[in-house]
């Protein structure tokens, strides 16, 4: 039975800019199987924490189709604070030969 490949969405919150030196933080990465749920979660967290809502489903969808990724920077008083990046990833990709060729037949020996 062959498994189907599925697209999942990697959402990364990466801290950037001059404030990073003051407060070192690792990027936060989360995966979603549904793009709409990913965007809704981002919008909810931005609203809950007082950030402007600069992300919408249509912009994310179009950017993923055209460029293969979406990113949006957030700043305070001109200083960049963090970047949201969404990248589609393939879950259970079709297995390839990985560049390994078929084993050649051994030569037959004459008796």
PDB file of N, CA and C in Angstrom:
ATOM      1  N   UNK A   1       0.840  -1.173   0.000  1.00  0.00           N
ATOM      2  CA  UNK A   1       0.000   0.000   0.000  1.00  0.00           C
ATOM      3  C   UNK A   1       0.892   1.245   0.000  1.00  0.00           C
ATOM      4  N   UNK A   2       0.682   2.125  -0.930  1.00  0.00           N
ATOM      5  CA  UNK A   2       1.493   3.329  -1.069  1.00  0.00           C
ATOM      6  C   UNK A   2       0.896   4.468  -0.252  1.00  0.00           C
ATOM      7  N   UNK A   3       1.739   5.144   0.500  1.00  0.00           N
ATOM      8  CA  UNK A   3       1.271   6.275   1.296  1.00  0.00           C
ATOM      9  C   UNK A   3       1.240   7.531   0.439  1.00  0.00           C
ATOM     10  N   UNK A   4       0.285   8.389   0.709  1.00  0.00           N
ATOM     11  CA  UNK A   4       0.142   9.647  -0.018  1.00  0.00           C
ATOM     12  C   UNK A   4       1.061  10.702   0.577  1.00  0.00           C
ATOM     13  N   UNK A   5       1.619  11.536  -0.294  1.00  0.00           N
ATOM     14  CA  UNK A   5       2.377  12.694   0.175  1.00  0.00           C
ATOM     15  C   UNK A   5       1.377  13.755   0.606  1.00  0.00           C
ATOM     16  N   UNK A   6       1.725  14.522   1.625  1.00  0.00           N
ATOM     17  CA  UNK A   6       0.835  15.560   2.125  1.00  0.00           C
ATOM     18  C   UNK A   6       1.653  16.811   2.388  1.00  0.00           C
ATOM     19  N   UNK A   7       1.070  17.958   2.074  1.00  0.00           N
ATOM     20  CA  UNK A   7       1.740  19.224   2.350  1.00  0.00           C
ATOM     21  C   UNK A   7       1.390  19.675   3.755  1.00  0.00           C
ATOM     22  N   UNK A   8       2.417  20.004   4.534  1.00  0.00           N
ATOM     23  CA  UNK A   8       2.218  20.631   5.835  1.00  0.00           C
ATOM     24  C   UNK A   8       2.899  21.991   5.775  1.00  0.00           C
ATOM     25  N   UNK A   9       2.569  22.849   6.705  1.00  0.00           N
ATOM     26  CA  UNK A   9       3.086  24.216   6.681  1.00  0.00           C
ATOM     27  C   UNK A   9       3.931  24.474   7.917  1.00  0.00           C
ATOM     28  N   UNK A  10       5.173  24.834   7.676  1.00  0.00           N
ATOM     29  CA  UNK A  10       6.113  25.167   8.749  1.00  0.00           C
ATOM     30  C   UNK A  10       6.013  26.665   9.012  1.00  0.00           C
ATOM     31  N   UNK A  11       5.624  27.030  10.225  1.00  0.00           N
ATOM     32  CA  UNK A  11       5.533  28.435  10.620  1.00  0.00           C
ATOM     33  C   UNK A  11       6.677  28.711  11.582  1.00  0.00           C
ATOM     34  N   UNK A  12       7.534  29.665  11.225  1.00  0.00           N
ATOM     35  CA  UNK A  12       8.690  30.017  12.041  1.00  0.00           C
ATOM     36  C   UNK A  12       8.565  31.462  12.492  1.00  0.00           C
ATOM     37  N   UNK A  13       8.746  31.677  13.785  1.00  0.00           N
ATOM     38  CA  UNK A  13       8.842  33.024  14.341  1.00  0.00           C
ATOM     39  C   UNK A  13      10.313  33.217  14.661  1.00  0.00           C
ATOM     40  N   UNK A  14      10.954  34.112  13.920  1.00  0.00           N
ATOM     41  CA  UNK A  14      12.392  34.349  14.088  1.00  0.00           C
ATOM     42  C   UNK A  14      12.596  35.770  14.601  1.00  0.00           C
ATOM     43  N   UNK A  15      13.338  35.891  15.681  1.00  0.00           N
ATOM     44  CA  UNK A  15      13.605  37.202  16.274  1.00  0.00           C
ATOM     45  C   UNK A  15      14.782  37.832  15.559  1.00  0.00           C
ATOM     46  N   UNK A  16      14.593  39.067  15.102  1.00  0.00           N
ATOM     47  CA  UNK A  16      15.586  39.745  14.268  1.00  0.00           C
ATOM     48  C   UNK A  16      15.812  41.157  14.784  1.00  0.00           C
ATOM     49  N   UNK A  17      16.773  41.835  14.193  1.00  0.00           N
ATOM     50  CA  UNK A  17      16.974  43.246  14.482  1.00  0.00           C
ATOM     51  C   UNK A  17      17.837  43.501  15.694  1.00  0.00           C
ATOM     52  N   UNK A  18      17.881  44.760  16.086  1.00  0.00           N
ATOM     53  CA  UNK A  18      18.777  45.201  17.154  1.00  0.00           C
ATOM     54  C   UNK A  18      18.360  44.696  18.530  1.00  0.00           C
ATOM     55  N   UNK A  19      17.085  44.395  18.715  1.00  0.00           N
ATOM     56  CA  UNK A  19      16.634  43.909  20.024  1.00  0.00           C
ATOM     57  C   UNK A  19      17.100  42.480  20.299  1.00  0.00           C
ATOM     58  N   UNK A  20      17.523  41.770  19.270  1.00  0.00           N
ATOM     59  CA  UNK A  20      17.984  40.390  19.439  1.00  0.00           C
ATOM     60  C   UNK A  20      19.224  40.331  20.319  1.00  0.00           C
ATOM     61  N   UNK A  21      20.089  41.334  20.231  1.00  0.00           N
ATOM     62  CA  UNK A  21      21.312  41.350  21.039  1.00  0.00           C
ATOM     63  C   UNK A  21      20.985  41.473  22.524  1.00  0.00           C
ATOM     64  N   UNK A  22      19.911  42.185  22.843  1.00  0.00           N
ATOM     65  CA  UNK A  22      19.532  42.363  24.244  1.00  0.00           C
ATOM     66  C   UNK A  22      18.833  41.132  24.814  1.00  0.00           C
ATOM     67  N   UNK A  23      18.074  40.474  23.981  1.00  0.00           N
ATOM     68  CA  UNK A  23      17.260  39.355  24.455  1.00  0.00           C
ATOM     69  C   UNK A  23      17.393  38.189  23.477  1.00  0.00           C
ATOM     70  N   UNK A  24      18.350  37.320  23.721  1.00  0.00           N
ATOM     71  CA  UNK A  24      18.596  36.181  22.836  1.00  0.00           C
ATOM     72  C   UNK A  24      17.446  35.184  22.937  1.00  0.00           C
ATOM     73  N   UNK A  25      16.874  34.840  21.790  1.00  0.00           N
ATOM     74  CA  UNK A  25      15.792  33.855  21.759  1.00  0.00           C
ATOM     75  C   UNK A  25      15.964  32.966  20.542  1.00  0.00           C
ATOM     76  N   UNK A  26      15.689  31.710  20.735  1.00  0.00           N
ATOM     77  CA  UNK A  26      15.718  30.748  19.634  1.00  0.00           C
ATOM     78  C   UNK A  26      14.463  30.936  18.780  1.00  0.00           C
ATOM     79  N   UNK A  27      14.562  30.649  17.489  1.00  0.00           N
ATOM     80  CA  UNK A  27      13.356  30.707  16.653  1.00  0.00           C
ATOM     81  C   UNK A  27      12.325  29.693  17.146  1.00  0.00           C
ATOM     82  N   UNK A  28      11.065  30.050  17.035  1.00  0.00           N
ATOM     83  CA  UNK A  28       9.965  29.164  17.409  1.00  0.00           C
ATOM     84  C   UNK A  28       9.396  28.571  16.128  1.00  0.00           C
ATOM     85  N   UNK A  29       9.315  27.247  16.060  1.00  0.00           N
ATOM     86  CA  UNK A  29       8.826  26.565  14.858  1.00  0.00           C
ATOM     87  C   UNK A  29       7.648  25.678  15.241  1.00  0.00           C
ATOM     88  N   UNK A  30       6.578  25.764  14.442  1.00  0.00           N
ATOM     89  CA  UNK A  30       5.406  24.914  14.644  1.00  0.00           C
ATOM     90  C   UNK A  30       4.899  24.491  13.264  1.00  0.00           C
ATOM     91  N   UNK A  31       4.269  23.314  13.206  1.00  0.00           N
ATOM     92  CA  UNK A  31       3.780  22.778  11.934  1.00  0.00           C
ATOM     93  C   UNK A  31       2.264  22.668  11.962  1.00  0.00           C
ATOM     94  N   UNK A  32       1.643  22.969  10.821  1.00  0.00           N
ATOM     95  CA  UNK A  32       0.195  22.867  10.667  1.00  0.00           C
ATOM     96  C   UNK A  32      -0.105  22.038   9.421  1.00  0.00           C
ATOM     97  N   UNK A  33      -1.166  21.239   9.478  1.00  0.00           N
ATOM     98  CA  UNK A  33      -1.581  20.482   8.301  1.00  0.00           C
ATOM     99  C   UNK A  33      -2.592  21.260   7.470  1.00  0.00           C
ATOM    100  N   UNK A  34      -3.077  22.380   8.001  1.00  0.00           N
ATOM    101  CA  UNK A  34      -4.100  23.171   7.332  1.00  0.00           C
ATOM    102  C   UNK A  34      -3.648  24.630   7.303  1.00  0.00           C
ATOM    103  N   UNK A  35      -3.528  25.208   6.113  1.00  0.00           N
ATOM    104  CA  UNK A  35      -3.047  26.580   5.976  1.00  0.00           C
ATOM    105  C   UNK A  35      -3.985  27.577   6.641  1.00  0.00           C
ATOM    106  N   UNK A  36      -5.285  27.360   6.511  1.00  0.00           N
ATOM    107  CA  UNK A  36      -6.253  28.287   7.115  1.00  0.00           C
ATOM    108  C   UNK A  36      -6.097  28.313   8.637  1.00  0.00           C
ATOM    109  N   UNK A  37      -5.920  27.149   9.239  1.00  0.00           N
ATOM    110  CA  UNK A  37      -5.724  27.078  10.701  1.00  0.00           C
ATOM    111  C   UNK A  37      -4.424  27.767  11.107  1.00  0.00           C
ATOM    112  N   UNK A  38      -3.385  27.622  10.295  1.00  0.00           N
ATOM    113  CA  UNK A  38      -2.106  28.277  10.589  1.00  0.00           C
ATOM    114  C   UNK A  38      -2.278  29.790  10.607  1.00  0.00           C
ATOM    115  N   UNK A  39      -2.940  30.322   9.580  1.00  0.00           N
ATOM    116  CA  UNK A  39      -3.138  31.771   9.484  1.00  0.00           C
ATOM    117  C   UNK A  39      -4.044  32.264  10.613  1.00  0.00           C
ATOM    118  N   UNK A  40      -5.105  31.527  10.916  1.00  0.00           N
ATOM    119  CA  UNK A  40      -6.002  31.913  12.016  1.00  0.00           C
ATOM    120  C   UNK A  40      -5.264  31.937  13.352  1.00  0.00           C
ATOM    121  N   UNK A  41      -4.399  30.971  13.583  1.00  0.00           N
ATOM    122  CA  UNK A  41      -3.624  30.928  14.828  1.00  0.00           C
ATOM    123  C   UNK A  41      -2.677  32.115  14.914  1.00  0.00           C
ATOM    124  N   UNK A  42      -2.005  32.430  13.805  1.00  0.00           N
ATOM    125  CA  UNK A  42      -1.097  33.588  13.782  1.00  0.00           C
ATOM    126  C   UNK A  42      -1.865  34.868  14.069  1.00  0.00           C
ATOM    127  N   UNK A  43      -3.000  35.057  13.392  1.00  0.00           N
ATOM    128  CA  UNK A  43      -3.809  36.265  13.588  1.00  0.00           C
ATOM    129  C   UNK A  43      -4.268  36.366  15.039  1.00  0.00           C
ATOM    130  N   UNK A  44      -4.712  35.254  15.606  1.00  0.00           N
ATOM    131  CA  UNK A  44      -5.164  35.247  16.999  1.00  0.00           C
ATOM    132  C   UNK A  44      -4.062  35.640  17.967  1.00  0.00           C
ATOM    133  N   UNK A  45      -2.866  35.091  17.773  1.00  0.00           N
ATOM    134  CA  UNK A  45      -1.750  35.406  18.667  1.00  0.00           C
ATOM    135  C   UNK A  45      -1.277  36.850  18.505  1.00  0.00           C
ATOM    136  N   UNK A  46      -1.275  37.344  17.267  1.00  0.00           N
ATOM    137  CA  UNK A  46      -0.897  38.747  17.051  1.00  0.00           C
ATOM    138  C   UNK A  46      -1.881  39.674  17.761  1.00  0.00           C
ATOM    139  N   UNK A  47      -3.179  39.409  17.605  1.00  0.00           N
ATOM    140  CA  UNK A  47      -4.203  40.244  18.240  1.00  0.00           C
ATOM    141  C   UNK A  47      -4.118  40.161  19.760  1.00  0.00           C
ATOM    142  N   UNK A  48      -3.931  38.964  20.267  1.00  0.00           N
ATOM    143  CA  UNK A  48      -3.857  38.749  21.713  1.00  0.00           C
ATOM    144  C   UNK A  48      -2.688  39.496  22.345  1.00  0.00           C
ATOM    145  N   UNK A  49      -1.587  39.626  21.597  1.00  0.00           N
ATOM    146  CA  UNK A  49      -0.389  40.269  22.127  1.00  0.00           C
ATOM    147  C   UNK A  49      -0.205  41.709  21.669  1.00  0.00           C
ATOM    148  N   UNK A  50      -1.226  42.286  21.025  1.00  0.00           N
ATOM    149  CA  UNK A  50      -1.202  43.703  20.690  1.00  0.00           C
ATOM    150  C   UNK A  50      -0.438  44.088  19.436  1.00  0.00           C
ATOM    151  N   UNK A  51      -0.119  43.136  18.573  1.00  0.00           N
ATOM    152  CA  UNK A  51       0.594  43.430  17.328  1.00  0.00           C
ATOM    153  C   UNK A  51      -0.412  43.724  16.228  1.00  0.00           C
ATOM    154  N   UNK A  52      -0.026  44.543  15.249  1.00  0.00           N
ATOM    155  CA  UNK A  52      -0.949  44.806  14.133  1.00  0.00           C
ATOM    156  C   UNK A  52      -1.150  43.539  13.297  1.00  0.00           C
ATOM    157  N   UNK A  53      -2.348  43.386  12.766  1.00  0.00           N
ATOM    158  CA  UNK A  53      -2.670  42.211  11.958  1.00  0.00           C
ATOM    159  C   UNK A  53      -2.256  42.503  10.513  1.00  0.00           C
ATOM    160  N   UNK A  54      -1.041  42.079  10.164  1.00  0.00           N
ATOM    161  CA  UNK A  54      -0.516  42.302   8.815  1.00  0.00           C
ATOM    162  C   UNK A  54      -0.547  41.025   7.984  1.00  0.00           C
ATOM    163  N   UNK A  55      -1.111  39.967   8.541  1.00  0.00           N
ATOM    164  CA  UNK A  55      -1.151  38.665   7.874  1.00  0.00           C
ATOM    165  C   UNK A  55      -2.600  38.359   7.520  1.00  0.00           C
ATOM    166  N   UNK A  56      -2.841  37.913   6.282  1.00  0.00           N
ATOM    167  CA  UNK A  56      -4.172  37.432   5.924  1.00  0.00           C
ATOM    168  C   UNK A  56      -4.038  36.226   5.003  1.00  0.00           C
ATOM    169  N   UNK A  57      -5.079  35.427   4.967  1.00  0.00           N
ATOM    170  CA  UNK A  57      -5.033  34.156   4.240  1.00  0.00           C
ATOM    171  C   UNK A  57      -4.715  34.349   2.763  1.00  0.00           C
ATOM    172  N   UNK A  58      -5.362  35.322   2.125  1.00  0.00           N
ATOM    173  CA  UNK A  58      -5.166  35.532   0.689  1.00  0.00           C
ATOM    174  C   UNK A  58      -3.719  35.872   0.364  1.00  0.00           C
ATOM    175  N   UNK A  59      -3.122  36.759   1.148  1.00  0.00           N
ATOM    176  CA  UNK A  59      -1.724  37.143   0.909  1.00  0.00           C
ATOM    177  C   UNK A  59      -0.791  35.954   1.102  1.00  0.00           C
ATOM    178  N   UNK A  60      -1.035  35.165   2.139  1.00  0.00           N
ATOM    179  CA  UNK A  60      -0.199  33.989   2.402  1.00  0.00           C
ATOM    180  C   UNK A  60      -0.342  32.979   1.267  1.00  0.00           C
ATOM    181  N   UNK A  61      -1.565  32.683   0.870  1.00  0.00           N
ATOM    182  CA  UNK A  61      -1.827  31.704  -0.190  1.00  0.00           C
ATOM    183  C   UNK A  61      -1.158  32.118  -1.496  1.00  0.00           C
ATOM    184  N   UNK A  62      -1.329  33.373  -1.886  1.00  0.00           N
ATOM    185  CA  UNK A  62      -0.735  33.859  -3.137  1.00  0.00           C
ATOM    186  C   UNK A  62       0.788  33.822  -3.091  1.00  0.00           C
ATOM    187  N   UNK A  63       1.351  34.225  -1.965  1.00  0.00           N
ATOM    188  CA  UNK A  63       2.806  34.223  -1.829  1.00  0.00           C
ATOM    189  C   UNK A  63       3.365  32.802  -1.902  1.00  0.00           C
ATOM    190  N   UNK A  64       2.688  31.859  -1.281  1.00  0.00           N
ATOM    191  CA  UNK A  64       3.138  30.465  -1.334  1.00  0.00           C
ATOM    192  C   UNK A  64       3.088  29.932  -2.763  1.00  0.00           C
ATOM    193  N   UNK A  65       2.052  30.289  -3.510  1.00  0.00           N
ATOM    194  CA  UNK A  65       1.930  29.830  -4.898  1.00  0.00           C
ATOM    195  C   UNK A  65       2.976  30.482  -5.797  1.00  0.00           C
ATOM    196  N   UNK A  66       3.229  31.790  -5.607  1.00  0.00           N
ATOM    197  CA  UNK A  66       4.140  32.522  -6.489  1.00  0.00           C
ATOM    198  C   UNK A  66       5.607  32.347  -6.114  1.00  0.00           C
ATOM    199  N   UNK A  67       5.920  32.439  -4.820  1.00  0.00           N
ATOM    200  CA  UNK A  67       7.316  32.441  -4.378  1.00  0.00           C
ATOM    201  C   UNK A  67       7.735  31.186  -3.635  1.00  0.00           C
ATOM    202  N   UNK A  68       6.772  30.400  -3.195  1.00  0.00           N
ATOM    203  CA  UNK A  68       7.105  29.197  -2.445  1.00  0.00           C
ATOM    204  C   UNK A  68       7.282  29.428  -0.954  1.00  0.00           C
ATOM    205  N   UNK A  69       7.129  30.680  -0.505  1.00  0.00           N
ATOM    206  CA  UNK A  69       7.206  30.985   0.929  1.00  0.00           C
ATOM    207  C   UNK A  69       6.515  32.319   1.184  1.00  0.00           C
ATOM    208  N   UNK A  70       6.237  32.584   2.458  1.00  0.00           N
ATOM    209  CA  UNK A  70       5.637  33.856   2.865  1.00  0.00           C
ATOM    210  C   UNK A  70       6.416  34.357   4.064  1.00  0.00           C
ATOM    211  N   UNK A  71       6.681  35.647   4.103  1.00  0.00           N
ATOM    212  CA  UNK A  71       7.296  36.217   5.299  1.00  0.00           C
ATOM    213  C   UNK A  71       6.781  37.627   5.526  1.00  0.00           C
ATOM    214  N   UNK A  72       6.730  37.999   6.793  1.00  0.00           N
ATOM    215  CA  UNK A  72       6.247  39.315   7.189  1.00  0.00           C
ATOM    216  C   UNK A  72       7.031  39.753   8.426  1.00  0.00           C
ATOM    217  N   UNK A  73       7.592  40.961   8.373  1.00  0.00           N
ATOM    218  CA  UNK A  73       8.372  41.501   9.492  1.00  0.00           C
ATOM    219  C   UNK A  73       7.503  42.399  10.361  1.00  0.00           C
ATOM    220  N   UNK A  74       7.763  42.376  11.662  1.00  0.00           N
ATOM    221  CA  UNK A  74       7.051  43.223  12.615  1.00  0.00           C
ATOM    222  C   UNK A  74       8.068  44.094  13.331  1.00  0.00           C
ATOM    223  N   UNK A  75       7.733  45.382  13.489  1.00  0.00           N
ATOM    224  CA  UNK A  75       8.681  46.308  14.106  1.00  0.00           C
ATOM    225  C   UNK A  75       7.987  47.216  15.110  1.00  0.00           C
ATOM    226  N   UNK A  76       8.816  47.821  15.963  1.00  0.00           N
ATOM    227  CA  UNK A  76       8.370  48.816  16.937  1.00  0.00           C
ATOM    228  C   UNK A  76       9.262  50.032  16.758  1.00  0.00           C
ATOM    229  N   UNK A  77       8.673  51.173  16.461  1.00  0.00           N
ATOM    230  CA  UNK A  77       9.403  52.437  16.282  1.00  0.00           C
ATOM    231  C   UNK A  77      10.555  52.283  15.287  1.00  0.00           C
ATOM    232  N   UNK A  78      10.314  51.544  14.225  1.00  0.00           N
ATOM    233  CA  UNK A  78      11.328  51.384  13.185  1.00  0.00           C
ATOM    234  C   UNK A  78      12.352  50.295  13.436  1.00  0.00           C
ATOM    235  N   UNK A  79      12.352  49.686  14.606  1.00  0.00           N
ATOM    236  CA  UNK A  79      13.296  48.601  14.919  1.00  0.00           C
ATOM    237  C   UNK A  79      12.583  47.261  14.718  1.00  0.00           C
ATOM    238  N   UNK A  80      13.123  46.439  13.824  1.00  0.00           N
ATOM    239  CA  UNK A  80      12.513  45.133  13.570  1.00  0.00           C
ATOM    240  C   UNK A  80      12.629  44.258  14.812  1.00  0.00           C
ATOM    241  N   UNK A  81      11.548  43.552  15.107  1.00  0.00           N
ATOM    242  CA  UNK A  81      11.511  42.711  16.300  1.00  0.00           C
ATOM    243  C   UNK A  81      11.488  41.228  15.924  1.00  0.00           C
ATOM    244  N   UNK A  82      10.559  40.839  15.055  1.00  0.00           N
ATOM    245  CA  UNK A  82      10.492  39.439  14.652  1.00  0.00           C
ATOM    246  C   UNK A  82       9.924  39.308  13.247  1.00  0.00           C
ATOM    247  N   UNK A  83      10.154  38.125  12.675  1.00  0.00           N
ATOM    248  CA  UNK A  83       9.682  37.804  11.324  1.00  0.00           C
ATOM    249  C   UNK A  83       8.883  36.513  11.397  1.00  0.00           C
ATOM    250  N   UNK A  84       7.729  36.522  10.748  1.00  0.00           N
ATOM    251  CA  UNK A  84       6.936  35.302  10.599  1.00  0.00           C
ATOM    252  C   UNK A  84       7.207  34.765   9.202  1.00  0.00           C
ATOM    253  N   UNK A  85       7.573  33.492   9.125  1.00  0.00           N
ATOM    254  CA  UNK A  85       7.847  32.860   7.827  1.00  0.00           C
ATOM    255  C   UNK A  85       7.031  31.574   7.745  1.00  0.00           C
ATOM    256  N   UNK A  86       6.346  31.400   6.613  1.00  0.00           N
ATOM    257  CA  UNK A  86       5.560  30.189   6.368  1.00  0.00           C
ATOM    258  C   UNK A  86       6.124  29.515   5.125  1.00  0.00           C
ATOM    259  N   UNK A  87       6.456  28.231   5.268  1.00  0.00           N
ATOM    260  CA  UNK A  87       7.041  27.462   4.170  1.00  0.00           C
ATOM    261  C   UNK A  87       6.296  26.132   4.067  1.00  0.00           C
ATOM    262  N   UNK A  88       5.838  25.761   2.869  1.00  0.00           N
ATOM    263  CA  UNK A  88       5.228  24.431   2.729  1.00  0.00           C
ATOM    264  C   UNK A  88       6.308  23.343   2.752  1.00  0.00           C
ATOM    265  N   UNK A  89       6.009  22.248   3.405  1.00  0.00           N
ATOM    266  CA  UNK A  89       6.914  21.097   3.468  1.00  0.00           C
ATOM    267  C   UNK A  89       6.135  19.857   3.038  1.00  0.00           C
ATOM    268  N   UNK A  90       6.828  18.890   2.469  1.00  0.00           N
ATOM    269  CA  UNK A  90       6.185  17.644   2.039  1.00  0.00           C
ATOM    270  C   UNK A  90       6.370  16.589   3.127  1.00  0.00           C
ATOM    271  N   UNK A  91       5.254  16.054   3.589  1.00  0.00           N
ATOM    272  CA  UNK A  91       5.255  14.977   4.570  1.00  0.00           C
ATOM    273  C   UNK A  91       5.066  13.669   3.806  1.00  0.00           C
ATOM    274  N   UNK A  92       5.857  12.676   4.096  1.00  0.00           N
ATOM    275  CA  UNK A  92       5.837  11.386   3.399  1.00  0.00           C
ATOM    276  C   UNK A  92       6.089  11.554   1.902  1.00  0.00           C
ATOM    277  N   UNK A  93       7.253  12.105   1.533  1.00  0.00           N
ATOM    278  CA  UNK A  93       7.527  12.261   0.100  1.00  0.00           C
ATOM    279  C   UNK A  93       7.662  10.897  -0.576  1.00  0.00           C
ATOM    280  N   UNK A  94       7.429  10.887  -1.874  1.00  0.00           N
ATOM    281  CA  UNK A  94       7.586   9.654  -2.641  1.00  0.00           C
ATOM    282  C   UNK A  94       9.048   9.235  -2.550  1.00  0.00           C
ATOM    283  N   UNK A  95       9.277   7.984  -2.238  1.00  0.00           N
ATOM    284  CA  UNK A  95      10.648   7.499  -2.098  1.00  0.00           C
ATOM    285  C   UNK A  95      11.321   7.445  -3.461  1.00  0.00           C
ATOM    286  N   UNK A  96      12.562   7.865  -3.489  1.00  0.00           N
ATOM    287  CA  UNK A  96      13.333   7.842  -4.728  1.00  0.00           C
ATOM    288  C   UNK A  96      14.434   6.804  -4.598  1.00  0.00           C
ATOM    289  N   UNK A  97      15.200   6.644  -5.652  1.00  0.00           N
ATOM    290  CA  UNK A  97      16.333   5.723  -5.599  1.00  0.00           C
ATOM    291  C   UNK A  97      17.516   6.364  -4.889  1.00  0.00           C
ATOM    292  N   UNK A  98      17.421   7.640  -4.575  1.00  0.00           N
ATOM    293  CA  UNK A  98      18.471   8.392  -3.887  1.00  0.00           C
ATOM    294  C   UNK A  98      19.790   8.335  -4.647  1.00  0.00           C
ATOM    295  N   UNK A  99      19.722   8.170  -5.960  1.00  0.00           N
ATOM    296  CA  UNK A  99      20.933   8.147  -6.767  1.00  0.00           C
ATOM    297  C   UNK A  99      21.659   6.814  -6.775  1.00  0.00           C
ATOM    298  N   UNK A 100      21.064   5.801  -6.163  1.00  0.00           N
ATOM    299  CA  UNK A 100      21.697   4.477  -6.123  1.00  0.00           C
ATOM    300  C   UNK A 100      21.227   3.692  -7.341  1.00  0.00           C
ATOM    301  N   UNK A 101      22.170   3.306  -8.172  1.00  0.00           N
ATOM    302  CA  UNK A 101      21.851   2.547  -9.379  1.00  0.00           C
ATOM    303  C   UNK A 101      21.681   1.069  -9.057  1.00  0.00           C
ATOM    304  N   UNK A 102      21.043   0.366  -9.978  1.00  0.00           N
ATOM    305  CA  UNK A 102      20.849  -1.070  -9.830  1.00  0.00           C
ATOM    306  C   UNK A 102      22.199  -1.777  -9.885  1.00  0.00           C
ATOM    307  N   UNK A 103      22.338  -2.797  -9.070  1.00  0.00           N
ATOM    308  CA  UNK A 103      23.592  -3.549  -9.021  1.00  0.00           C
ATOM    309  C   UNK A 103      23.810  -4.261 -10.356  1.00  0.00           C
ATOM    310  N   UNK A 104      25.013  -4.094 -10.941  1.00  0.00           N
ATOM    311  CA  UNK A 104      25.285  -4.789 -12.203  1.00  0.00           C
ATOM    312  C   UNK A 104      25.390  -6.295 -11.981  1.00  0.00           C
ATOM    313  N   UNK A 105      25.057  -7.039 -13.002  1.00  0.00           N
ATOM    314  CA  UNK A 105      25.150  -8.498 -12.916  1.00  0.00           C
ATOM    315  C   UNK A 105      26.618  -8.899 -12.874  1.00  0.00           C
ATOM    316  N   UNK A 106      26.907  -9.907 -12.075  1.00  0.00           N
ATOM    317  CA  UNK A 106      28.287 -10.390 -11.995  1.00  0.00           C
ATOM    318  C   UNK A 106      28.609 -11.160 -13.266  1.00  0.00           C
ATOM    319  N   UNK A 107      29.839 -11.010 -13.762  1.00  0.00           N
ATOM    320  CA  UNK A 107      30.193 -11.738 -14.993  1.00  0.00           C
ATOM    321  C   UNK A 107      30.188 -13.243 -14.734  1.00  0.00           C
ATOM    322  N   UNK A 108      29.764 -13.988 -15.740  1.00  0.00           N
ATOM    323  CA  UNK A 108      29.755 -15.449 -15.604  1.00  0.00           C
ATOM    324  C   UNK A 108      31.151 -15.981 -15.883  1.00  0.00           C
ATOM    325  N   UNK A 109      31.549 -16.985 -15.134  1.00  0.00           N
ATOM    326  CA  UNK A 109      32.884 -17.577 -15.293  1.00  0.00           C
ATOM    327  C   UNK A 109      32.815 -18.753 -16.250  1.00  0.00           C
ATOM    328  N   UNK A 110      33.819 -18.860 -17.073  1.00  0.00           N
ATOM    329  CA  UNK A 110      33.894 -20.005 -17.988  1.00  0.00           C
ATOM    330  C   UNK A 110      34.581 -21.158 -17.266  1.00  0.00           C
ATOM    331  N   UNK A 111      34.096 -22.360 -17.469  1.00  0.00           N
ATOM    332  CA  UNK A 111      34.668 -23.546 -16.825  1.00  0.00           C
ATOM    333  C   UNK A 111      35.456 -24.355 -17.780  1.00  0.00           C
TER     334      UNK A 111
END
